[in-house]
Amino acid sequence: METIQYPCGRDVIERVLPHRDPFVWVSRVLECEPGASISAELDVDPELPLFAGHFPGHPVLPGVIIMEALAQTASFCALVGRDEPGVLGFFAGIDKAKFRHQVQPGDVLTLKADIVKNSSRMVVADVQALVGDQVAATATQKYVMAKGA
C-alpha cells in the first residue's frame, strides 16, 4: 500500500476501508502508527436521519454507532499495516463497553485505538471515543481478519 500522509480524509479512508455511504463513520484520520495506534475524528452531522428517531426532542448518537466508528478506526490502523489485499476486519466481540457521555448532533467525536494484539487472524484493540476532553465511550474490541466475499 502507498505511503499515507496524515491527517487524511475520506478519499484515503475509502481506499483502506470497504465501508461506503451511508455507513462510513470516520471523517478523517489525524495520525496513525500502522498496526499499533490511531487517532481519528467523526463529524457528527446534525442532518443524519437517525436523529429523527433517536430521540425526538433530545437527539443522541446511538452507542452502537459509536462502537462501529471505533471499529472502523481500529480496522483502518490494522489494515493499513498489512499487505494483504481483500482482507477485512469483522467484529468478533466487544468487551467492557462503557458509555459515559452523550454524543449529540454537531459534536466532533475523537476516536482512538491502541492495538494490543495483532496476528494474521485476530486483532484486539482498546478503544476510546471522546467529545472534547469528555470520555464518551470505552471498550476492548476484537476483530477477525479474513478475506471478504
N, C-alpha and C. Protein backbone atom coordinates (compact mmCIF):
# COMPACT_ATOMS: atom_id res chain seq x y z
N MET A 1 0.85 -1.18 0.00
CA MET A 1 0.00 0.00 0.00
C MET A 1 0.89 1.24 0.00
N GLU A 2 0.41 2.29 -0.64
CA GLU A 2 1.15 3.54 -0.72
C GLU A 2 1.36 4.15 0.66
N THR A 3 2.33 5.04 0.76
CA THR A 3 2.56 5.79 1.98
C THR A 3 1.44 6.81 2.14
N ILE A 4 0.89 6.88 3.34
CA ILE A 4 -0.21 7.80 3.62
C ILE A 4 0.31 8.97 4.44
N GLN A 5 -0.07 10.15 4.04
CA GLN A 5 0.27 11.36 4.80
C GLN A 5 -0.89 11.70 5.72
N TYR A 6 -0.59 11.98 6.98
CA TYR A 6 -1.62 12.32 7.96
C TYR A 6 -1.51 13.79 8.32
N PRO A 7 -2.65 14.45 8.57
CA PRO A 7 -4.00 13.91 8.54
C PRO A 7 -4.46 13.59 7.12
N CYS A 8 -5.43 12.68 7.02
CA CYS A 8 -6.00 12.32 5.72
C CYS A 8 -7.51 12.29 5.84
N GLY A 9 -8.17 12.41 4.70
CA GLY A 9 -9.63 12.50 4.67
C GLY A 9 -10.30 11.27 4.10
N ARG A 10 -11.53 11.47 3.73
CA ARG A 10 -12.42 10.39 3.30
C ARG A 10 -11.90 9.63 2.09
N ASP A 11 -11.23 10.32 1.16
CA ASP A 11 -10.72 9.63 -0.03
C ASP A 11 -9.73 8.54 0.35
N VAL A 12 -8.84 8.82 1.28
CA VAL A 12 -7.86 7.83 1.73
C VAL A 12 -8.54 6.76 2.58
N ILE A 13 -9.44 7.18 3.46
CA ILE A 13 -10.16 6.23 4.31
C ILE A 13 -10.86 5.18 3.45
N GLU A 14 -11.50 5.62 2.36
CA GLU A 14 -12.22 4.67 1.49
C GLU A 14 -11.28 3.82 0.64
N ARG A 15 -10.01 4.18 0.53
CA ARG A 15 -9.04 3.30 -0.14
C ARG A 15 -8.63 2.16 0.79
N VAL A 16 -8.74 2.38 2.10
CA VAL A 16 -8.33 1.37 3.08
C VAL A 16 -9.51 0.54 3.56
N LEU A 17 -10.62 1.21 3.90
CA LEU A 17 -11.80 0.52 4.42
C LEU A 17 -12.79 0.20 3.30
N PRO A 18 -13.55 -0.88 3.45
CA PRO A 18 -14.55 -1.22 2.44
C PRO A 18 -15.87 -0.46 2.61
N HIS A 19 -16.04 0.24 3.71
CA HIS A 19 -17.32 0.90 4.01
C HIS A 19 -17.59 2.06 3.05
N ARG A 20 -18.88 2.24 2.76
CA ARG A 20 -19.33 3.33 1.90
C ARG A 20 -20.58 3.94 2.50
N ASP A 21 -20.97 5.12 1.98
CA ASP A 21 -22.19 5.77 2.45
C ASP A 21 -23.34 4.79 2.31
N PRO A 22 -24.21 4.78 3.28
CA PRO A 22 -24.30 5.67 4.45
C PRO A 22 -23.64 5.10 5.69
N PHE A 23 -22.60 4.26 5.54
CA PHE A 23 -22.05 3.58 6.71
C PHE A 23 -20.56 3.80 6.90
N VAL A 24 -20.05 4.96 6.52
CA VAL A 24 -18.67 5.34 6.85
C VAL A 24 -18.76 6.24 8.06
N TRP A 25 -18.13 5.83 9.16
CA TRP A 25 -18.25 6.57 10.42
C TRP A 25 -16.90 7.13 10.87
N VAL A 26 -16.04 7.46 9.91
CA VAL A 26 -14.77 8.14 10.19
C VAL A 26 -14.66 9.29 9.19
N SER A 27 -14.51 10.51 9.68
CA SER A 27 -14.39 11.67 8.79
C SER A 27 -12.95 11.92 8.36
N ARG A 28 -12.01 11.73 9.28
CA ARG A 28 -10.60 11.94 8.97
C ARG A 28 -9.72 11.19 9.97
N VAL A 29 -8.55 10.80 9.51
CA VAL A 29 -7.55 10.17 10.37
C VAL A 29 -6.49 11.23 10.66
N LEU A 30 -6.27 11.52 11.93
CA LEU A 30 -5.32 12.55 12.33
C LEU A 30 -3.89 12.03 12.33
N GLU A 31 -3.71 10.83 12.90
CA GLU A 31 -2.39 10.20 12.93
C GLU A 31 -2.57 8.71 13.08
N CYS A 32 -1.59 7.98 12.58
CA CYS A 32 -1.67 6.52 12.64
C CYS A 32 -0.27 5.93 12.61
N GLU A 33 -0.01 5.06 13.56
CA GLU A 33 1.16 4.21 13.51
C GLU A 33 0.62 2.84 13.10
N PRO A 34 0.78 2.47 11.82
CA PRO A 34 0.14 1.25 11.30
C PRO A 34 0.36 0.04 12.20
N GLY A 35 -0.75 -0.63 12.49
CA GLY A 35 -0.71 -1.83 13.31
C GLY A 35 -0.52 -1.58 14.79
N ALA A 36 -0.46 -0.31 15.22
CA ALA A 36 -0.18 -0.02 16.62
C ALA A 36 -1.19 0.94 17.26
N SER A 37 -1.36 2.14 16.69
CA SER A 37 -2.26 3.12 17.30
C SER A 37 -2.76 4.10 16.25
N ILE A 38 -3.90 4.74 16.58
CA ILE A 38 -4.53 5.65 15.64
C ILE A 38 -5.37 6.66 16.40
N SER A 39 -5.49 7.85 15.83
CA SER A 39 -6.39 8.89 16.31
C SER A 39 -7.14 9.42 15.09
N ALA A 40 -8.46 9.46 15.19
CA ALA A 40 -9.30 9.90 14.07
C ALA A 40 -10.44 10.74 14.61
N GLU A 41 -11.26 11.27 13.71
CA GLU A 41 -12.41 12.06 14.13
C GLU A 41 -13.63 11.72 13.28
N LEU A 42 -14.79 11.90 13.89
CA LEU A 42 -16.07 11.80 13.21
C LEU A 42 -16.82 13.10 13.45
N ASP A 43 -17.17 13.79 12.36
CA ASP A 43 -18.04 14.96 12.45
C ASP A 43 -19.47 14.44 12.53
N VAL A 44 -20.14 14.67 13.65
CA VAL A 44 -21.49 14.15 13.86
C VAL A 44 -22.47 15.11 13.19
N ASP A 45 -22.89 14.74 11.99
CA ASP A 45 -23.74 15.58 11.15
C ASP A 45 -25.15 15.71 11.76
N PRO A 46 -25.57 16.94 12.08
CA PRO A 46 -26.91 17.13 12.64
C PRO A 46 -28.03 16.69 11.70
N GLU A 47 -27.74 16.53 10.40
CA GLU A 47 -28.76 16.15 9.42
C GLU A 47 -28.92 14.63 9.27
N LEU A 48 -28.19 13.84 10.06
CA LEU A 48 -28.34 12.39 9.96
C LEU A 48 -29.78 11.98 10.24
N PRO A 49 -30.39 11.20 9.35
CA PRO A 49 -31.79 10.80 9.54
C PRO A 49 -32.06 10.08 10.87
N LEU A 50 -31.05 9.39 11.41
CA LEU A 50 -31.26 8.64 12.64
C LEU A 50 -31.64 9.52 13.82
N PHE A 51 -31.26 10.81 13.77
CA PHE A 51 -31.59 11.70 14.89
C PHE A 51 -33.09 11.99 14.99
N ALA A 52 -33.84 11.78 13.91
CA ALA A 52 -35.29 11.99 13.96
C ALA A 52 -35.96 11.01 14.91
N GLY A 53 -35.35 9.84 15.09
CA GLY A 53 -35.96 8.83 15.95
C GLY A 53 -35.18 8.49 17.20
N HIS A 54 -33.96 9.02 17.33
CA HIS A 54 -33.10 8.66 18.48
C HIS A 54 -32.54 9.92 19.11
N PHE A 55 -33.16 10.62 19.88
CA PHE A 55 -34.55 10.55 20.33
C PHE A 55 -35.21 11.86 19.94
N PRO A 56 -36.48 11.86 19.53
CA PRO A 56 -37.15 13.11 19.18
C PRO A 56 -37.10 14.09 20.36
N GLY A 57 -36.63 15.30 20.08
CA GLY A 57 -36.52 16.31 21.12
C GLY A 57 -35.24 16.25 21.92
N HIS A 58 -34.51 15.15 21.86
CA HIS A 58 -33.22 15.02 22.54
C HIS A 58 -32.33 14.06 21.75
N PRO A 59 -31.85 14.51 20.56
CA PRO A 59 -31.08 13.61 19.70
C PRO A 59 -29.73 13.22 20.31
N VAL A 60 -29.45 11.92 20.23
CA VAL A 60 -28.21 11.35 20.77
C VAL A 60 -27.70 10.31 19.76
N LEU A 61 -26.39 10.33 19.49
CA LEU A 61 -25.80 9.32 18.61
C LEU A 61 -25.85 7.97 19.32
N PRO A 62 -26.43 6.95 18.70
CA PRO A 62 -26.54 5.64 19.36
C PRO A 62 -25.18 5.03 19.70
N GLY A 63 -25.15 4.34 20.82
CA GLY A 63 -23.91 3.69 21.25
C GLY A 63 -23.38 2.69 20.25
N VAL A 64 -24.28 2.00 19.54
CA VAL A 64 -23.82 1.03 18.54
C VAL A 64 -23.08 1.72 17.40
N ILE A 65 -23.48 2.94 17.07
CA ILE A 65 -22.78 3.69 16.02
C ILE A 65 -21.40 4.14 16.54
N ILE A 66 -21.33 4.54 17.80
CA ILE A 66 -20.03 4.90 18.39
C ILE A 66 -19.09 3.69 18.35
N MET A 67 -19.62 2.51 18.72
CA MET A 67 -18.79 1.29 18.67
C MET A 67 -18.35 0.98 17.25
N GLU A 68 -19.25 1.18 16.28
CA GLU A 68 -18.89 0.95 14.87
C GLU A 68 -17.82 1.93 14.41
N ALA A 69 -17.95 3.19 14.79
CA ALA A 69 -16.94 4.20 14.42
C ALA A 69 -15.58 3.83 14.99
N LEU A 70 -15.57 3.35 16.22
CA LEU A 70 -14.31 2.91 16.84
C LEU A 70 -13.76 1.68 16.12
N ALA A 71 -14.62 0.76 15.73
CA ALA A 71 -14.17 -0.43 14.99
C ALA A 71 -13.59 -0.06 13.64
N GLN A 72 -14.23 0.87 12.93
CA GLN A 72 -13.70 1.32 11.64
C GLN A 72 -12.34 1.99 11.83
N THR A 73 -12.21 2.76 12.89
CA THR A 73 -10.93 3.43 13.17
C THR A 73 -9.84 2.40 13.43
N ALA A 74 -10.10 1.46 14.32
CA ALA A 74 -9.11 0.42 14.64
C ALA A 74 -8.81 -0.45 13.42
N SER A 75 -9.83 -0.76 12.63
CA SER A 75 -9.61 -1.57 11.43
C SER A 75 -8.73 -0.84 10.42
N PHE A 76 -8.93 0.47 10.28
CA PHE A 76 -8.05 1.26 9.40
C PHE A 76 -6.61 1.06 9.84
N CYS A 77 -6.35 1.19 11.15
CA CYS A 77 -4.99 1.05 11.68
C CYS A 77 -4.43 -0.35 11.41
N ALA A 78 -5.25 -1.36 11.60
CA ALA A 78 -4.80 -2.74 11.37
C ALA A 78 -4.59 -3.03 9.90
N LEU A 79 -5.49 -2.54 9.04
CA LEU A 79 -5.41 -2.85 7.61
C LEU A 79 -4.30 -2.08 6.91
N VAL A 80 -4.07 -0.83 7.30
CA VAL A 80 -3.06 -0.03 6.62
C VAL A 80 -1.65 -0.61 6.86
N GLY A 81 -1.52 -1.40 7.91
CA GLY A 81 -0.22 -2.00 8.20
C GLY A 81 -0.02 -3.36 7.57
N ARG A 82 -0.97 -3.82 6.77
CA ARG A 82 -0.89 -5.16 6.16
C ARG A 82 -0.74 -5.05 4.65
N ASP A 83 -0.12 -6.05 4.09
CA ASP A 83 -0.03 -6.11 2.63
C ASP A 83 -0.80 -7.34 2.16
N GLU A 84 -2.10 -7.36 2.49
CA GLU A 84 -2.97 -8.48 2.16
C GLU A 84 -4.23 -7.93 1.51
N PRO A 85 -4.26 -7.77 0.20
CA PRO A 85 -5.46 -7.25 -0.45
C PRO A 85 -6.69 -8.11 -0.17
N GLY A 86 -7.83 -7.43 0.03
CA GLY A 86 -9.08 -8.13 0.22
C GLY A 86 -9.37 -8.56 1.65
N VAL A 87 -8.42 -8.34 2.57
CA VAL A 87 -8.65 -8.71 3.96
C VAL A 87 -9.49 -7.62 4.62
N LEU A 88 -10.49 -8.06 5.40
CA LEU A 88 -11.38 -7.16 6.12
C LEU A 88 -11.36 -7.52 7.60
N GLY A 89 -11.72 -6.55 8.43
CA GLY A 89 -11.87 -6.81 9.86
C GLY A 89 -13.34 -6.99 10.20
N PHE A 90 -13.71 -8.18 10.69
CA PHE A 90 -15.09 -8.48 11.07
C PHE A 90 -15.18 -8.54 12.58
N PHE A 91 -16.20 -7.87 13.16
CA PHE A 91 -16.39 -7.90 14.60
C PHE A 91 -16.40 -9.33 15.12
N ALA A 92 -15.66 -9.58 16.20
CA ALA A 92 -15.69 -10.87 16.87
C ALA A 92 -16.14 -10.70 18.32
N GLY A 93 -16.07 -9.47 18.83
CA GLY A 93 -16.52 -9.26 20.20
C GLY A 93 -16.26 -7.84 20.67
N ILE A 94 -17.04 -7.44 21.66
CA ILE A 94 -16.85 -6.16 22.33
C ILE A 94 -16.92 -6.46 23.82
N ASP A 95 -15.84 -6.19 24.52
CA ASP A 95 -15.77 -6.44 25.96
C ASP A 95 -15.67 -5.12 26.72
N LYS A 96 -16.23 -5.10 27.90
CA LYS A 96 -16.10 -3.98 28.85
C LYS A 96 -16.56 -2.65 28.27
N ALA A 97 -17.57 -2.67 27.40
CA ALA A 97 -18.07 -1.41 26.82
C ALA A 97 -18.71 -0.56 27.91
N LYS A 98 -18.34 0.71 27.93
CA LYS A 98 -18.91 1.69 28.87
C LYS A 98 -19.26 2.94 28.08
N PHE A 99 -20.42 3.49 28.39
CA PHE A 99 -20.87 4.73 27.77
C PHE A 99 -21.01 5.77 28.88
N ARG A 100 -20.25 6.87 28.75
CA ARG A 100 -20.14 7.81 29.86
C ARG A 100 -20.63 9.23 29.54
N HIS A 101 -20.71 9.56 28.27
CA HIS A 101 -21.08 10.93 27.88
C HIS A 101 -21.87 10.85 26.57
N GLN A 102 -22.99 11.56 26.52
CA GLN A 102 -23.82 11.54 25.31
C GLN A 102 -23.14 12.31 24.18
N VAL A 103 -23.27 11.76 22.98
CA VAL A 103 -22.75 12.39 21.77
C VAL A 103 -23.95 12.98 21.03
N GLN A 104 -23.88 14.28 20.75
CA GLN A 104 -25.01 14.98 20.17
C GLN A 104 -24.70 15.53 18.79
N PRO A 105 -25.75 15.87 18.03
CA PRO A 105 -25.54 16.44 16.69
C PRO A 105 -24.62 17.65 16.77
N GLY A 106 -23.69 17.73 15.82
CA GLY A 106 -22.75 18.83 15.76
C GLY A 106 -21.45 18.59 16.51
N ASP A 107 -21.41 17.55 17.35
CA ASP A 107 -20.17 17.23 18.07
C ASP A 107 -19.12 16.71 17.10
N VAL A 108 -17.87 16.87 17.49
CA VAL A 108 -16.75 16.20 16.82
C VAL A 108 -16.31 15.10 17.78
N LEU A 109 -16.42 13.87 17.34
CA LEU A 109 -16.09 12.72 18.16
C LEU A 109 -14.67 12.27 17.83
N THR A 110 -13.79 12.34 18.81
CA THR A 110 -12.42 11.86 18.64
C THR A 110 -12.40 10.36 18.90
N LEU A 111 -11.82 9.61 17.99
CA LEU A 111 -11.79 8.15 18.02
C LEU A 111 -10.35 7.69 18.17
N LYS A 112 -10.06 6.92 19.21
CA LYS A 112 -8.69 6.46 19.45
C LYS A 112 -8.68 4.95 19.62
N ALA A 113 -7.62 4.33 19.13
CA ALA A 113 -7.46 2.89 19.30
C ALA A 113 -5.99 2.56 19.50
N ASP A 114 -5.74 1.68 20.45
CA ASP A 114 -4.41 1.10 20.66
C ASP A 114 -4.56 -0.39 20.38
N ILE A 115 -3.81 -0.88 19.41
CA ILE A 115 -3.86 -2.29 19.05
C ILE A 115 -3.03 -3.05 20.09
N VAL A 116 -3.66 -3.98 20.81
CA VAL A 116 -2.96 -4.73 21.85
C VAL A 116 -2.61 -6.15 21.41
N LYS A 117 -3.26 -6.62 20.34
CA LYS A 117 -2.90 -7.90 19.73
C LYS A 117 -3.11 -7.76 18.24
N ASN A 118 -2.14 -8.23 17.47
CA ASN A 118 -2.22 -8.08 16.03
C ASN A 118 -1.57 -9.30 15.38
N SER A 119 -2.40 -10.32 15.13
CA SER A 119 -1.90 -11.51 14.47
C SER A 119 -2.52 -11.58 13.07
N SER A 120 -2.17 -12.60 12.34
CA SER A 120 -2.69 -12.71 10.97
C SER A 120 -4.20 -12.91 10.95
N ARG A 121 -4.78 -13.48 12.01
CA ARG A 121 -6.22 -13.77 12.02
C ARG A 121 -7.02 -12.94 13.01
N MET A 122 -6.39 -12.35 14.02
CA MET A 122 -7.14 -11.67 15.08
C MET A 122 -6.45 -10.35 15.46
N VAL A 123 -7.29 -9.33 15.62
CA VAL A 123 -6.82 -8.04 16.12
C VAL A 123 -7.66 -7.69 17.34
N VAL A 124 -7.00 -7.24 18.40
CA VAL A 124 -7.68 -6.77 19.61
C VAL A 124 -7.22 -5.34 19.84
N ALA A 125 -8.20 -4.46 20.12
CA ALA A 125 -7.88 -3.04 20.31
C ALA A 125 -8.60 -2.50 21.53
N ASP A 126 -7.89 -1.70 22.32
CA ASP A 126 -8.51 -0.90 23.36
C ASP A 126 -8.89 0.41 22.70
N VAL A 127 -10.19 0.76 22.77
CA VAL A 127 -10.70 1.91 22.04
C VAL A 127 -11.34 2.91 23.00
N GLN A 128 -11.34 4.17 22.54
CA GLN A 128 -11.89 5.26 23.35
C GLN A 128 -12.45 6.32 22.42
N ALA A 129 -13.65 6.81 22.73
CA ALA A 129 -14.27 7.91 21.99
C ALA A 129 -14.44 9.08 22.95
N LEU A 130 -14.11 10.29 22.48
CA LEU A 130 -14.19 11.48 23.32
C LEU A 130 -14.89 12.61 22.60
N VAL A 131 -15.58 13.44 23.36
CA VAL A 131 -16.10 14.72 22.88
C VAL A 131 -15.35 15.76 23.69
N GLY A 132 -14.45 16.49 23.04
CA GLY A 132 -13.57 17.39 23.78
C GLY A 132 -12.72 16.55 24.71
N ASP A 133 -12.73 16.90 26.01
CA ASP A 133 -11.97 16.12 26.98
C ASP A 133 -12.87 15.14 27.76
N GLN A 134 -14.15 15.02 27.34
CA GLN A 134 -15.10 14.12 27.99
C GLN A 134 -15.07 12.74 27.32
N VAL A 135 -14.81 11.70 28.10
CA VAL A 135 -14.83 10.35 27.56
C VAL A 135 -16.29 9.95 27.32
N ALA A 136 -16.60 9.65 26.06
CA ALA A 136 -17.95 9.24 25.69
C ALA A 136 -18.12 7.73 25.79
N ALA A 137 -17.11 6.96 25.39
CA ALA A 137 -17.21 5.50 25.40
C ALA A 137 -15.84 4.87 25.41
N THR A 138 -15.76 3.70 26.01
CA THR A 138 -14.54 2.89 26.00
C THR A 138 -14.93 1.43 25.82
N ALA A 139 -14.00 0.63 25.32
CA ALA A 139 -14.24 -0.81 25.18
C ALA A 139 -12.95 -1.49 24.76
N THR A 140 -12.96 -2.79 24.81
CA THR A 140 -11.96 -3.63 24.15
C THR A 140 -12.71 -4.35 23.05
N GLN A 141 -12.25 -4.16 21.81
CA GLN A 141 -12.92 -4.77 20.66
C GLN A 141 -12.02 -5.82 20.02
N LYS A 142 -12.65 -6.84 19.47
CA LYS A 142 -11.94 -7.92 18.78
C LYS A 142 -12.47 -8.04 17.37
N TYR A 143 -11.54 -8.28 16.44
CA TYR A 143 -11.90 -8.41 15.03
C TYR A 143 -11.18 -9.62 14.44
N VAL A 144 -11.92 -10.41 13.69
CA VAL A 144 -11.33 -11.49 12.91
C VAL A 144 -10.93 -10.89 11.57
N MET A 145 -9.71 -11.14 11.15
CA MET A 145 -9.22 -10.65 9.87
C MET A 145 -9.37 -11.78 8.85
N ALA A 146 -10.18 -11.52 7.84
CA ALA A 146 -10.46 -12.56 6.84
C ALA A 146 -10.73 -11.92 5.50
N LYS A 147 -10.61 -12.72 4.45
CA LYS A 147 -10.91 -12.25 3.09
C LYS A 147 -12.39 -11.98 2.98
N GLY A 148 -12.73 -10.86 2.31
CA GLY A 148 -14.13 -10.55 2.03
C GLY A 148 -14.65 -11.48 0.94
N ALA A 149 -15.94 -11.51 0.80
CA ALA A 149 -16.56 -12.40 -0.20
C ALA A 149 -16.22 -11.98 -1.61
